[in-house]
Amino acid sequence: MRVPRKAAATLAGLSAACALAACGSSEVPGRAAATSAAAARTAPTNLVAGTLAPAATSAHVRAKEVADPQEASSYPAPATVQHASAATPVKAGELHIAAGARSEEEVKSELKALQAIQRSSSTAQLQRLTPVPGGESIGGDGQIPIPASVPEVIQKVIAGANEIADFPYVFGGGHASFVDNAYDCSGSVSYALAAGGLLNRPETSGELESWGAAGPGRYITVYANAGHTYMYVDGVLYDTAGRSGVYASRWQVGGTDNSGYVVRHYPGL
């Protein structure tokens, strides 16, 4: 059963207050204050103007992680579980992107005519999804279709998320490198964002509190606090918590309680 988000937010807040660092918080002094300030800004942070990738910095201090309050509901894999390593996010985005996908400029010119169709399509897609017993994971191969009607960058994010959708959950997975054989909550979100060129290194959930710009996005919305993170992509929930099993999909049916989380999006998306 999924752990209530409100309880998770409370645990995450206690962890941060104790100066620990979770699937997201940092040990850098003043991090909590900086995160609160960043969440209130509407301008994007740590992004290179005119590009999709955030600025790289040699001075970056890698944040450490502490316990993810949603770990118990993420079916953490036992040490005996083995899985092949994923491709790089960039390769995943390029190999699995929808065939014949239109360019971002072509999509923009058709957006007005497609808005009603997209809403109807998303609703129908969600209605067709049936959760696997034991949680909220979608069934089948655990992947969702990549719409040809969304911007190419979103197609690549979905492709990246599909690449590791059924990988095991291991705390800290996907942080030493994007290429791993298991991913935690922030490692999963970071991998998918990197596939779309929206991130150039793995970030903890605490760091994702200041990713992009404040508020929800049209196609992609990231929810993050000190201990946990997840996202909605084209209206579908992508989360480690609430899965149906060790190899169940991170794509899930329906939604979840978003209270206690900072809401972020990428400008224009």
Protein backbone atom coordinates (compact mmCIF):
# COMPACT_ATOMS: atom_id res chain seq x y z
CA MET A 1 0.00 0.00 0.00
CA ARG A 2 1.25 3.48 -0.82
CA VAL A 3 2.50 5.55 2.11
CA PRO A 4 0.44 8.79 2.33
CA ARG A 5 2.32 11.75 0.87
CA LYS A 6 1.49 13.93 3.85
CA ALA A 7 3.20 11.49 6.17
CA ALA A 8 6.13 11.30 3.79
CA ALA A 9 6.41 15.07 3.71
CA THR A 10 6.45 15.18 7.51
CA LEU A 11 9.21 12.58 7.71
CA ALA A 12 11.18 14.38 5.03
CA GLY A 13 10.85 17.65 6.92
CA LEU A 14 12.10 16.04 10.13
CA SER A 15 15.05 14.56 8.28
CA ALA A 16 15.98 17.92 6.82
CA ALA A 17 15.59 19.63 10.17
CA CYS A 18 18.04 17.18 11.68
CA ALA A 19 20.61 18.27 9.07
CA LEU A 20 20.61 14.88 7.42
CA ALA A 21 20.59 14.54 3.69
CA ALA A 22 17.81 12.36 1.90
CA CYS A 23 17.07 10.95 -1.66
CA GLY A 24 17.54 14.54 -2.10
CA SER A 25 18.89 16.85 0.49
CA SER A 26 22.35 18.31 0.58
CA GLU A 27 24.89 18.71 3.35
CA VAL A 28 26.03 22.05 1.96
CA PRO A 29 25.42 24.76 4.63
CA GLY A 30 22.40 26.95 3.94
CA ARG A 31 20.87 24.43 1.51
CA ALA A 32 17.41 24.52 3.12
CA ALA A 33 17.18 28.29 2.89
CA ALA A 34 18.45 28.29 -0.66
CA THR A 35 15.89 25.66 -1.65
CA SER A 36 13.00 27.67 -0.18
CA ALA A 37 14.12 30.77 -2.01
CA ALA A 38 14.54 28.87 -5.27
CA ALA A 39 11.06 27.40 -5.02
CA ALA A 40 9.56 30.87 -4.83
CA ARG A 41 11.29 32.11 -7.98
CA THR A 42 9.56 31.96 -11.32
CA ALA A 43 12.73 32.28 -13.38
CA PRO A 44 14.54 29.05 -14.32
CA THR A 45 17.64 28.16 -12.32
CA ASN A 46 20.91 26.51 -13.33
CA LEU A 47 19.99 26.60 -17.02
CA VAL A 48 22.01 27.79 -19.98
CA ALA A 49 20.15 30.44 -21.98
CA GLY A 50 19.04 29.17 -25.36
CA THR A 51 19.73 25.52 -24.57
CA LEU A 52 17.91 22.62 -22.97
CA ALA A 53 20.77 21.42 -20.76
CA PRO A 54 21.63 23.01 -17.40
CA ALA A 55 24.97 24.68 -16.94
CA ALA A 56 27.81 22.38 -15.93
CA THR A 57 30.00 23.60 -13.12
CA SER A 58 33.28 22.18 -11.90
CA ALA A 59 32.61 23.76 -8.51
CA HIS A 60 29.50 21.67 -7.89
CA VAL A 61 29.45 19.92 -4.53
CA ARG A 62 27.73 16.58 -4.92
CA ALA A 63 24.82 16.29 -2.53
CA LYS A 64 24.57 13.24 -0.31
CA GLU A 65 21.40 11.26 0.17
CA VAL A 66 19.56 10.13 3.27
CA ALA A 67 16.69 7.70 3.60
CA ASP A 68 13.85 8.06 1.12
CA PRO A 69 10.63 8.11 3.21
CA GLN A 70 8.88 6.37 0.30
CA GLU A 71 11.47 3.58 0.02
CA ALA A 72 9.25 0.98 1.72
CA SER A 73 6.52 1.51 -0.90
CA SER A 74 9.01 1.38 -3.77
CA TYR A 75 9.71 -2.37 -3.54
CA PRO A 76 13.44 -1.99 -2.86
CA ALA A 77 15.34 -4.83 -4.50
CA PRO A 78 17.16 -7.38 -2.34
CA ALA A 79 20.90 -7.80 -2.86
CA THR A 80 20.31 -11.00 -4.81
CA VAL A 81 18.44 -9.17 -7.58
CA GLN A 82 20.53 -8.50 -10.67
CA HIS A 83 19.64 -6.44 -13.72
CA ALA A 84 21.49 -5.42 -16.86
CA SER A 85 22.69 -1.83 -16.98
CA ALA A 86 20.72 0.82 -18.84
CA ALA A 87 21.90 2.64 -21.93
CA THR A 88 22.97 6.25 -21.53
CA PRO A 89 19.98 8.65 -21.32
CA VAL A 90 20.93 10.30 -24.61
CA LYS A 91 21.09 6.94 -26.40
CA ALA A 92 17.77 5.87 -24.87
CA GLY A 93 16.11 9.05 -26.10
CA GLU A 94 17.51 8.70 -29.59
CA LEU A 95 16.87 4.97 -30.05
CA HIS A 96 13.32 4.83 -28.76
CA ILE A 97 11.88 8.14 -29.95
CA ALA A 98 8.68 7.81 -31.99
CA ALA A 99 9.40 7.00 -35.62
CA GLY A 100 8.84 9.93 -37.92
CA ALA A 101 8.30 12.33 -35.04
CA ARG A 102 7.68 15.90 -36.03
CA SER A 103 10.09 18.66 -35.05
CA GLU A 104 9.32 21.00 -32.19
CA GLU A 105 8.64 23.86 -34.63
CA GLU A 106 6.18 21.74 -36.60
CA VAL A 107 4.40 20.81 -33.40
CA LYS A 108 4.10 24.44 -32.33
CA SER A 109 2.36 25.37 -35.57
CA GLU A 110 -0.28 22.69 -34.96
CA LEU A 111 -0.80 23.09 -31.21
CA LYS A 112 -4.07 24.99 -31.37
CA ALA A 113 -5.72 22.39 -33.54
CA LEU A 114 -4.32 19.52 -31.48
CA GLN A 115 -5.17 20.75 -27.97
CA ALA A 116 -8.61 19.15 -27.80
CA ILE A 117 -7.33 15.95 -29.40
CA GLN A 118 -4.42 15.72 -26.96
CA ARG A 119 -6.71 16.12 -23.96
CA SER A 120 -9.08 13.49 -25.29
CA SER A 121 -6.20 11.14 -26.15
CA SER A 122 -4.59 11.49 -22.71
CA THR A 123 -7.90 10.75 -20.99
CA ALA A 124 -8.54 7.71 -23.16
CA GLN A 125 -5.00 6.46 -22.56
CA LEU A 126 -5.39 6.66 -18.80
CA GLN A 127 -8.76 4.91 -18.96
CA ARG A 128 -7.15 2.01 -20.82
CA LEU A 129 -4.44 1.57 -18.19
CA THR A 130 -5.13 -1.06 -15.56
CA PRO A 131 -2.94 -1.31 -12.46
CA VAL A 132 -1.04 -4.50 -11.70
CA PRO A 133 -2.17 -6.06 -8.39
CA GLY A 134 -0.01 -5.02 -5.47
CA GLY A 135 0.27 -1.37 -6.45
CA GLU A 136 -0.52 1.14 -9.16
CA SER A 137 1.97 0.13 -11.88
CA ILE A 138 0.68 -0.20 -15.43
CA GLY A 139 0.88 -3.69 -16.92
CA GLY A 140 2.24 -5.08 -20.17
CA ASP A 141 5.86 -4.18 -20.83
CA GLY A 142 5.59 -1.31 -18.34
CA GLN A 143 6.09 1.35 -21.00
CA ILE A 144 3.71 3.98 -22.32
CA PRO A 145 3.32 4.94 -25.99
CA ILE A 146 5.32 7.95 -27.18
CA PRO A 147 2.86 10.43 -28.74
CA ALA A 148 3.87 11.93 -32.07
CA SER A 149 1.89 15.08 -31.22
CA VAL A 150 4.10 16.30 -28.34
CA PRO A 151 7.39 18.22 -28.67
CA GLU A 152 10.43 16.10 -29.46
CA VAL A 153 12.04 16.84 -26.11
CA ILE A 154 9.00 15.35 -24.33
CA GLN A 155 9.16 12.30 -26.58
CA LYS A 156 12.76 11.80 -25.50
CA VAL A 157 11.89 12.20 -21.81
CA ILE A 158 9.20 9.53 -22.19
CA ALA A 159 11.64 7.31 -24.09
CA GLY A 160 14.20 7.69 -21.31
CA ALA A 161 11.60 6.98 -18.63
CA ASN A 162 10.48 3.90 -20.59
CA GLU A 163 14.08 2.66 -20.77
CA ILE A 164 14.31 2.19 -16.99
CA ALA A 165 10.59 1.93 -16.15
CA ASP A 166 10.86 -1.63 -14.81
CA PHE A 167 14.37 -1.43 -13.33
CA PRO A 168 14.70 -2.35 -9.64
CA TYR A 169 14.68 0.32 -6.94
CA VAL A 170 17.93 0.60 -4.98
CA PHE A 171 18.61 3.60 -2.78
CA GLY A 172 21.38 5.67 -4.36
CA GLY A 173 20.94 3.96 -7.73
CA GLY A 174 21.62 6.17 -10.75
CA HIS A 175 23.64 8.76 -8.85
CA ALA A 176 27.26 7.68 -9.30
CA SER A 177 26.44 7.50 -13.03
CA PHE A 178 23.39 7.70 -15.27
CA VAL A 179 24.32 4.22 -16.46
CA ASP A 180 23.28 1.82 -13.70
CA ASN A 181 21.28 -1.36 -13.13
CA ALA A 182 18.91 0.08 -10.50
CA TYR A 183 17.56 3.56 -9.72
CA ASP A 184 16.06 5.32 -6.74
CA CYS A 185 13.40 8.05 -7.00
CA SER A 186 15.66 10.95 -7.96
CA GLY A 187 17.94 8.73 -10.04
CA SER A 188 14.88 7.71 -12.08
CA VAL A 189 13.63 11.26 -12.63
CA SER A 190 17.15 12.51 -13.41
CA TYR A 191 17.68 9.80 -16.04
CA ALA A 192 14.44 10.63 -17.87
CA LEU A 193 15.10 14.39 -17.79
CA ALA A 194 18.63 13.81 -19.10
CA ALA A 195 17.24 11.79 -22.01
CA GLY A 196 15.42 14.94 -23.08
CA GLY A 197 18.46 17.16 -22.58
CA LEU A 198 16.91 18.83 -19.53
CA LEU A 199 19.62 17.75 -17.08
CA ASN A 200 23.31 17.00 -17.47
CA ARG A 201 24.04 15.14 -14.24
CA PRO A 202 22.04 13.10 -11.71
CA GLU A 203 20.40 15.25 -9.03
CA THR A 204 19.00 14.34 -5.63
CA SER A 205 15.40 15.10 -4.80
CA GLY A 206 16.49 18.08 -2.72
CA GLU A 207 18.38 19.50 -5.69
CA LEU A 208 15.37 18.95 -7.94
CA GLU A 209 13.45 21.35 -5.69
CA SER A 210 15.24 24.13 -7.56
CA TRP A 211 15.33 22.55 -11.04
CA GLY A 212 13.84 24.58 -13.87
CA ALA A 213 11.15 27.08 -12.89
CA ALA A 214 8.44 27.17 -10.23
CA GLY A 215 4.95 25.83 -10.89
CA PRO A 216 3.41 23.09 -13.04
CA GLY A 217 4.26 22.60 -16.71
CA ARG A 218 2.12 21.83 -19.71
CA TYR A 219 3.79 18.53 -20.53
CA ILE A 220 6.07 17.77 -17.61
CA THR A 221 5.81 18.61 -13.90
CA VAL A 222 8.34 17.50 -11.28
CA TYR A 223 7.37 17.22 -7.60
CA ALA A 224 10.24 17.19 -5.12
CA ASN A 225 11.05 17.60 -1.44
CA ALA A 226 14.08 16.75 0.68
CA GLY A 227 13.39 13.03 0.66
CA HIS A 228 11.42 12.06 -2.44
CA THR A 229 10.62 13.09 -6.01
CA TYR A 230 8.39 11.99 -8.89
CA MET A 231 6.89 13.56 -12.00
CA TYR A 232 3.95 13.65 -14.38
CA VAL A 233 4.79 13.43 -18.09
CA ASP A 234 1.98 14.17 -20.54
CA GLY A 235 -0.45 13.55 -17.68
CA VAL A 236 0.92 10.16 -16.58
CA LEU A 237 2.50 9.59 -13.14
CA TYR A 238 6.13 8.36 -13.06
CA ASP A 239 7.10 7.36 -9.53
CA THR A 240 9.05 4.66 -7.69
CA ALA A 241 6.63 4.75 -4.74
CA GLY A 242 3.41 2.85 -5.24
CA ARG A 243 4.79 0.33 -7.73
CA SER A 244 3.36 -3.18 -7.82
CA GLY A 245 6.61 -5.15 -7.43
CA VAL A 246 10.40 -5.22 -7.74
CA TYR A 247 10.21 -5.25 -11.55
CA ALA A 248 6.94 -3.34 -11.88
CA SER A 249 6.71 -0.15 -13.90
CA ARG A 250 7.34 3.33 -12.57
CA TRP A 251 4.49 4.51 -14.84
CA GLN A 252 1.34 4.36 -12.75
CA VAL A 253 -2.40 4.64 -13.10
CA GLY A 254 -4.09 7.72 -11.66
CA GLY A 255 -2.43 10.32 -9.47
CA THR A 256 -1.19 10.79 -5.93
CA ASP A 257 -1.24 13.29 -3.07
CA ASN A 258 1.05 16.14 -4.13
CA SER A 259 0.94 18.04 -0.84
CA GLY A 260 4.29 18.77 0.79
CA TYR A 261 6.19 18.93 -2.49
CA VAL A 262 7.82 21.77 -4.42
CA VAL A 263 6.36 21.96 -7.94
CA ARG A 264 8.77 22.57 -10.85
CA HIS A 265 8.67 22.56 -14.63
CA TYR A 266 10.96 23.36 -17.56
CA PRO A 267 10.23 26.79 -19.13
CA GLY A 268 8.03 26.36 -22.19
CA LEU A 269 7.23 22.74 -21.42
